[in-house]
Amino acid sequence: MRQLHDTGYTNFYLLGDSGYTLRPWLQTTVDDAQPGTPKDSYNECHRSTRATIERYNGLRKTRFRCLLKHPVSHYSSHRTSKIINACAVLHNLCIEYHLPNPPAFDNDEGDIEEEHAGHSMCPVILRNEIPSLL
């Protein structure tokens, strides 16, 4: 993302929670926003948007179970992005053709932090290491 931003692609933002460091391309919530202020409104919009994205990702993972596992650990990042993009296109086609959503099911993957404790591919550890690499 930094490379895209540094080369002039500045019309996008990623949304991150308070665990992320604010970057020009990564917007996080505002700490200590007082209720009823514009900063509080921003935080509410931010949370609402992130919740919508999380629901969308959950639905895609239900429909395309290959997204449940961590493809990064099995494929290159280039191939992983192609898999994710293909699932997004197929998901949009399902919506366009009014296909029903799949029934919900139990995700037996367990807690991500527990499952990957001490493993270099743990998303939590990886997220915390990325800012130090920038």
C-alpha atoms as a PDB file:
ATOM      1  CA  MET A   1       0.000   0.000   0.000  1.00  0.00           C
ATOM      2  CA  ARG A   2       2.834   2.333   0.792  1.00  0.00           C
ATOM      3  CA  GLN A   3       4.340   1.747  -2.648  1.00  0.00           C
ATOM      4  CA  LEU A   4       1.018   2.552  -4.321  1.00  0.00           C
ATOM      5  CA  HIS A   5       0.636   5.680  -2.243  1.00  0.00           C
ATOM      6  CA  ASP A   6       4.231   6.766  -2.868  1.00  0.00           C
ATOM      7  CA  THR A   7       3.751   6.435  -6.634  1.00  0.00           C
ATOM      8  CA  GLY A   8       0.749   8.766  -6.668  1.00  0.00           C
ATOM      9  CA  TYR A   9      -2.210   6.441  -6.122  1.00  0.00           C
ATOM     10  CA  THR A  10      -3.728   8.403  -3.254  1.00  0.00           C
ATOM     11  CA  ASN A  11      -7.464   8.005  -3.873  1.00  0.00           C
ATOM     12  CA  PHE A  12      -7.921   4.998  -1.579  1.00  0.00           C
ATOM     13  CA  TYR A  13      -7.819   4.199   2.115  1.00  0.00           C
ATOM     14  CA  LEU A  14      -7.708   1.028   4.132  1.00  0.00           C
ATOM     15  CA  LEU A  15      -9.649   0.956   7.370  1.00  0.00           C
ATOM     16  CA  GLY A  16      -7.925  -0.385  10.437  1.00  0.00           C
ATOM     17  CA  ASP A  17      -8.809  -0.626  14.087  1.00  0.00           C
ATOM     18  CA  SER A  18      -6.875   0.993  16.905  1.00  0.00           C
ATOM     19  CA  GLY A  19      -4.270  -1.782  16.734  1.00  0.00           C
ATOM     20  CA  TYR A  20      -2.914  -0.214  13.565  1.00  0.00           C
ATOM     21  CA  THR A  21      -0.746   2.866  13.251  1.00  0.00           C
ATOM     22  CA  LEU A  22      -2.303   5.727  11.334  1.00  0.00           C
ATOM     23  CA  ARG A  23      -0.731   5.994   7.877  1.00  0.00           C
ATOM     24  CA  PRO A  24      -1.628   8.143   4.839  1.00  0.00           C
ATOM     25  CA  TRP A  25      -3.320   5.110   3.247  1.00  0.00           C
ATOM     26  CA  LEU A  26      -4.619   3.532   6.493  1.00  0.00           C
ATOM     27  CA  GLN A  27      -7.316   5.312   8.467  1.00  0.00           C
ATOM     28  CA  THR A  28      -7.934   4.358  12.083  1.00  0.00           C
ATOM     29  CA  THR A  29     -10.417   5.606  14.663  1.00  0.00           C
ATOM     30  CA  VAL A  30      -9.750   8.803  16.610  1.00  0.00           C
ATOM     31  CA  ASP A  31      -8.730   8.235  20.237  1.00  0.00           C
ATOM     32  CA  ASP A  32     -10.698  10.014  22.966  1.00  0.00           C
ATOM     33  CA  ALA A  33     -13.411  11.399  20.678  1.00  0.00           C
ATOM     34  CA  GLN A  34     -16.060  13.182  22.722  1.00  0.00           C
ATOM     35  CA  PRO A  35     -19.683  12.045  22.168  1.00  0.00           C
ATOM     36  CA  GLY A  36     -21.597  14.177  19.686  1.00  0.00           C
ATOM     37  CA  THR A  37     -18.500  15.680  18.067  1.00  0.00           C
ATOM     38  CA  PRO A  38     -17.462  15.358  14.415  1.00  0.00           C
ATOM     39  CA  LYS A  39     -14.658  13.016  15.536  1.00  0.00           C
ATOM     40  CA  ASP A  40     -17.231  10.791  17.248  1.00  0.00           C
ATOM     41  CA  SER A  41     -19.311  10.785  14.050  1.00  0.00           C
ATOM     42  CA  TYR A  42     -16.219   9.796  12.085  1.00  0.00           C
ATOM     43  CA  ASN A  43     -15.556   6.929  14.519  1.00  0.00           C
ATOM     44  CA  GLU A  44     -19.152   5.712  14.207  1.00  0.00           C
ATOM     45  CA  CYS A  45     -18.961   5.754  10.385  1.00  0.00           C
ATOM     46  CA  HIS A  46     -15.598   3.985  10.565  1.00  0.00           C
ATOM     47  CA  ARG A  47     -16.966   1.260  12.868  1.00  0.00           C
ATOM     48  CA  SER A  48     -20.106   0.847  10.769  1.00  0.00           C
ATOM     49  CA  THR A  49     -18.097   0.495   7.555  1.00  0.00           C
ATOM     50  CA  ARG A  50     -15.717  -2.018   9.125  1.00  0.00           C
ATOM     51  CA  ALA A  51     -18.687  -4.033  10.453  1.00  0.00           C
ATOM     52  CA  THR A  52     -20.184  -4.134   6.944  1.00  0.00           C
ATOM     53  CA  ILE A  53     -16.865  -5.346   5.535  1.00  0.00           C
ATOM     54  CA  GLU A  54     -16.597  -8.022   8.233  1.00  0.00           C
ATOM     55  CA  ARG A  55     -20.127  -9.285   7.446  1.00  0.00           C
ATOM     56  CA  TYR A  56     -19.258  -9.356   3.738  1.00  0.00           C
ATOM     57  CA  ASN A  57     -16.055 -11.289   4.419  1.00  0.00           C
ATOM     58  CA  GLY A  58     -17.965 -13.713   6.643  1.00  0.00           C
ATOM     59  CA  LEU A  59     -20.507 -14.355   3.903  1.00  0.00           C
ATOM     60  CA  ARG A  60     -17.752 -14.941   1.338  1.00  0.00           C
ATOM     61  CA  LYS A  61     -16.011 -17.368   3.693  1.00  0.00           C
ATOM     62  CA  THR A  62     -19.301 -19.223   4.113  1.00  0.00           C
ATOM     63  CA  ARG A  63     -19.833 -19.393   0.359  1.00  0.00           C
ATOM     64  CA  PHE A  64     -16.206 -20.091  -0.589  1.00  0.00           C
ATOM     65  CA  ARG A  65     -14.718 -22.229   2.113  1.00  0.00           C
ATOM     66  CA  CYS A  66     -11.271 -22.062   0.546  1.00  0.00           C
ATOM     67  CA  LEU A  67     -11.120 -18.601   2.127  1.00  0.00           C
ATOM     68  CA  LEU A  68     -11.497 -20.095   5.609  1.00  0.00           C
ATOM     69  CA  LYS A  69      -7.996 -21.452   5.618  1.00  0.00           C
ATOM     70  CA  HIS A  70      -5.042 -19.158   5.414  1.00  0.00           C
ATOM     71  CA  PRO A  71      -4.105 -19.270   1.720  1.00  0.00           C
ATOM     72  CA  VAL A  72      -1.044 -17.132   2.404  1.00  0.00           C
ATOM     73  CA  SER A  73       0.572 -20.119   4.033  1.00  0.00           C
ATOM     74  CA  HIS A  74      -0.062 -22.316   0.975  1.00  0.00           C
ATOM     75  CA  TYR A  75       0.353 -19.966  -1.992  1.00  0.00           C
ATOM     76  CA  SER A  76       2.353 -16.962  -3.068  1.00  0.00           C
ATOM     77  CA  SER A  77       0.823 -13.568  -2.301  1.00  0.00           C
ATOM     78  CA  HIS A  78       0.187 -13.095  -6.038  1.00  0.00           C
ATOM     79  CA  ARG A  79      -1.812 -16.337  -6.272  1.00  0.00           C
ATOM     80  CA  THR A  80      -3.586 -15.619  -2.985  1.00  0.00           C
ATOM     81  CA  SER A  81      -4.776 -12.251  -4.305  1.00  0.00           C
ATOM     82  CA  LYS A  82      -6.065 -13.956  -7.470  1.00  0.00           C
ATOM     83  CA  ILE A  83      -8.028 -16.481  -5.372  1.00  0.00           C
ATOM     84  CA  ILE A  84      -9.554 -13.726  -3.249  1.00  0.00           C
ATOM     85  CA  ASN A  85     -10.426 -11.617  -6.309  1.00  0.00           C
ATOM     86  CA  ALA A  86     -11.965 -14.611  -8.101  1.00  0.00           C
ATOM     87  CA  CYS A  87     -14.137 -15.345  -5.060  1.00  0.00           C
ATOM     88  CA  ALA A  88     -15.231 -11.689  -4.974  1.00  0.00           C
ATOM     89  CA  VAL A  89     -16.255 -11.814  -8.647  1.00  0.00           C
ATOM     90  CA  LEU A  90     -18.122 -15.095  -8.162  1.00  0.00           C
ATOM     91  CA  HIS A  91     -19.825 -13.696  -5.062  1.00  0.00           C
ATOM     92  CA  ASN A  92     -20.992 -10.655  -7.045  1.00  0.00           C
ATOM     93  CA  LEU A  93     -22.352 -12.955  -9.764  1.00  0.00           C
ATOM     94  CA  CYS A  94     -24.274 -14.884  -7.110  1.00  0.00           C
ATOM     95  CA  ILE A  95     -25.829 -11.614  -5.976  1.00  0.00           C
ATOM     96  CA  GLU A  96     -26.603 -10.510  -9.550  1.00  0.00           C
ATOM     97  CA  TYR A  97     -28.357 -13.806 -10.306  1.00  0.00           C
ATOM     98  CA  HIS A  98     -30.183 -13.803  -6.948  1.00  0.00           C
ATOM     99  CA  LEU A  99     -28.637 -17.025  -5.699  1.00  0.00           C
ATOM    100  CA  PRO A 100     -29.472 -17.624  -2.044  1.00  0.00           C
ATOM    101  CA  ASN A 101     -26.846 -17.148   0.605  1.00  0.00           C
ATOM    102  CA  PRO A 102     -25.418 -20.411   1.905  1.00  0.00           C
ATOM    103  CA  PRO A 103     -26.594 -21.523   5.336  1.00  0.00           C
ATOM    104  CA  ALA A 104     -24.377 -20.500   8.221  1.00  0.00           C
ATOM    105  CA  PHE A 105     -22.131 -23.153   9.686  1.00  0.00           C
ATOM    106  CA  ASP A 106     -19.796 -23.489  12.620  1.00  0.00           C
ATOM    107  CA  ASN A 107     -16.278 -22.342  11.882  1.00  0.00           C
ATOM    108  CA  ASP A 108     -14.207 -24.998  13.582  1.00  0.00           C
ATOM    109  CA  GLU A 109     -10.941 -23.171  12.976  1.00  0.00           C
ATOM    110  CA  GLY A 110     -10.885 -21.937  16.562  1.00  0.00           C
ATOM    111  CA  ASP A 111      -9.411 -18.719  17.802  1.00  0.00           C
ATOM    112  CA  ILE A 112      -6.825 -17.349  15.382  1.00  0.00           C
ATOM    113  CA  GLU A 113      -4.398 -16.262  18.084  1.00  0.00           C
ATOM    114  CA  GLU A 114      -4.580 -19.629  19.881  1.00  0.00           C
ATOM    115  CA  GLU A 115      -4.334 -21.644  16.675  1.00  0.00           C
ATOM    116  CA  HIS A 116      -1.288 -19.742  15.453  1.00  0.00           C
ATOM    117  CA  ALA A 117       0.388 -18.924  18.761  1.00  0.00           C
ATOM    118  CA  GLY A 118       4.098 -18.556  18.127  1.00  0.00           C
ATOM    119  CA  HIS A 119       3.699 -19.243  14.404  1.00  0.00           C
ATOM    120  CA  SER A 120       5.174 -16.629  12.082  1.00  0.00           C
ATOM    121  CA  MET A 121       2.018 -16.535   9.941  1.00  0.00           C
ATOM    122  CA  CYS A 122      -0.291 -15.578  12.819  1.00  0.00           C
ATOM    123  CA  PRO A 123      -2.303 -12.609  11.494  1.00  0.00           C
ATOM    124  CA  VAL A 124      -2.020 -10.830  14.838  1.00  0.00           C
ATOM    125  CA  ILE A 125       1.758 -11.157  14.943  1.00  0.00           C
ATOM    126  CA  LEU A 126       2.047 -10.278  11.264  1.00  0.00           C
ATOM    127  CA  ARG A 127      -0.133  -7.172  11.727  1.00  0.00           C
ATOM    128  CA  ASN A 128       2.043  -6.031  14.600  1.00  0.00           C
ATOM    129  CA  GLU A 129       5.258  -6.579  12.626  1.00  0.00           C
ATOM    130  CA  ILE A 130       4.220  -4.763   9.433  1.00  0.00           C
ATOM    131  CA  PRO A 131       4.552  -1.172  10.748  1.00  0.00           C
ATOM    132  CA  SER A 132       8.120  -1.855  11.835  1.00  0.00           C
ATOM    133  CA  LEU A 133       8.964  -2.922   8.283  1.00  0.00           C
ATOM    134  CA  LEU A 134       7.740   0.328   6.736  1.00  0.00           C
END
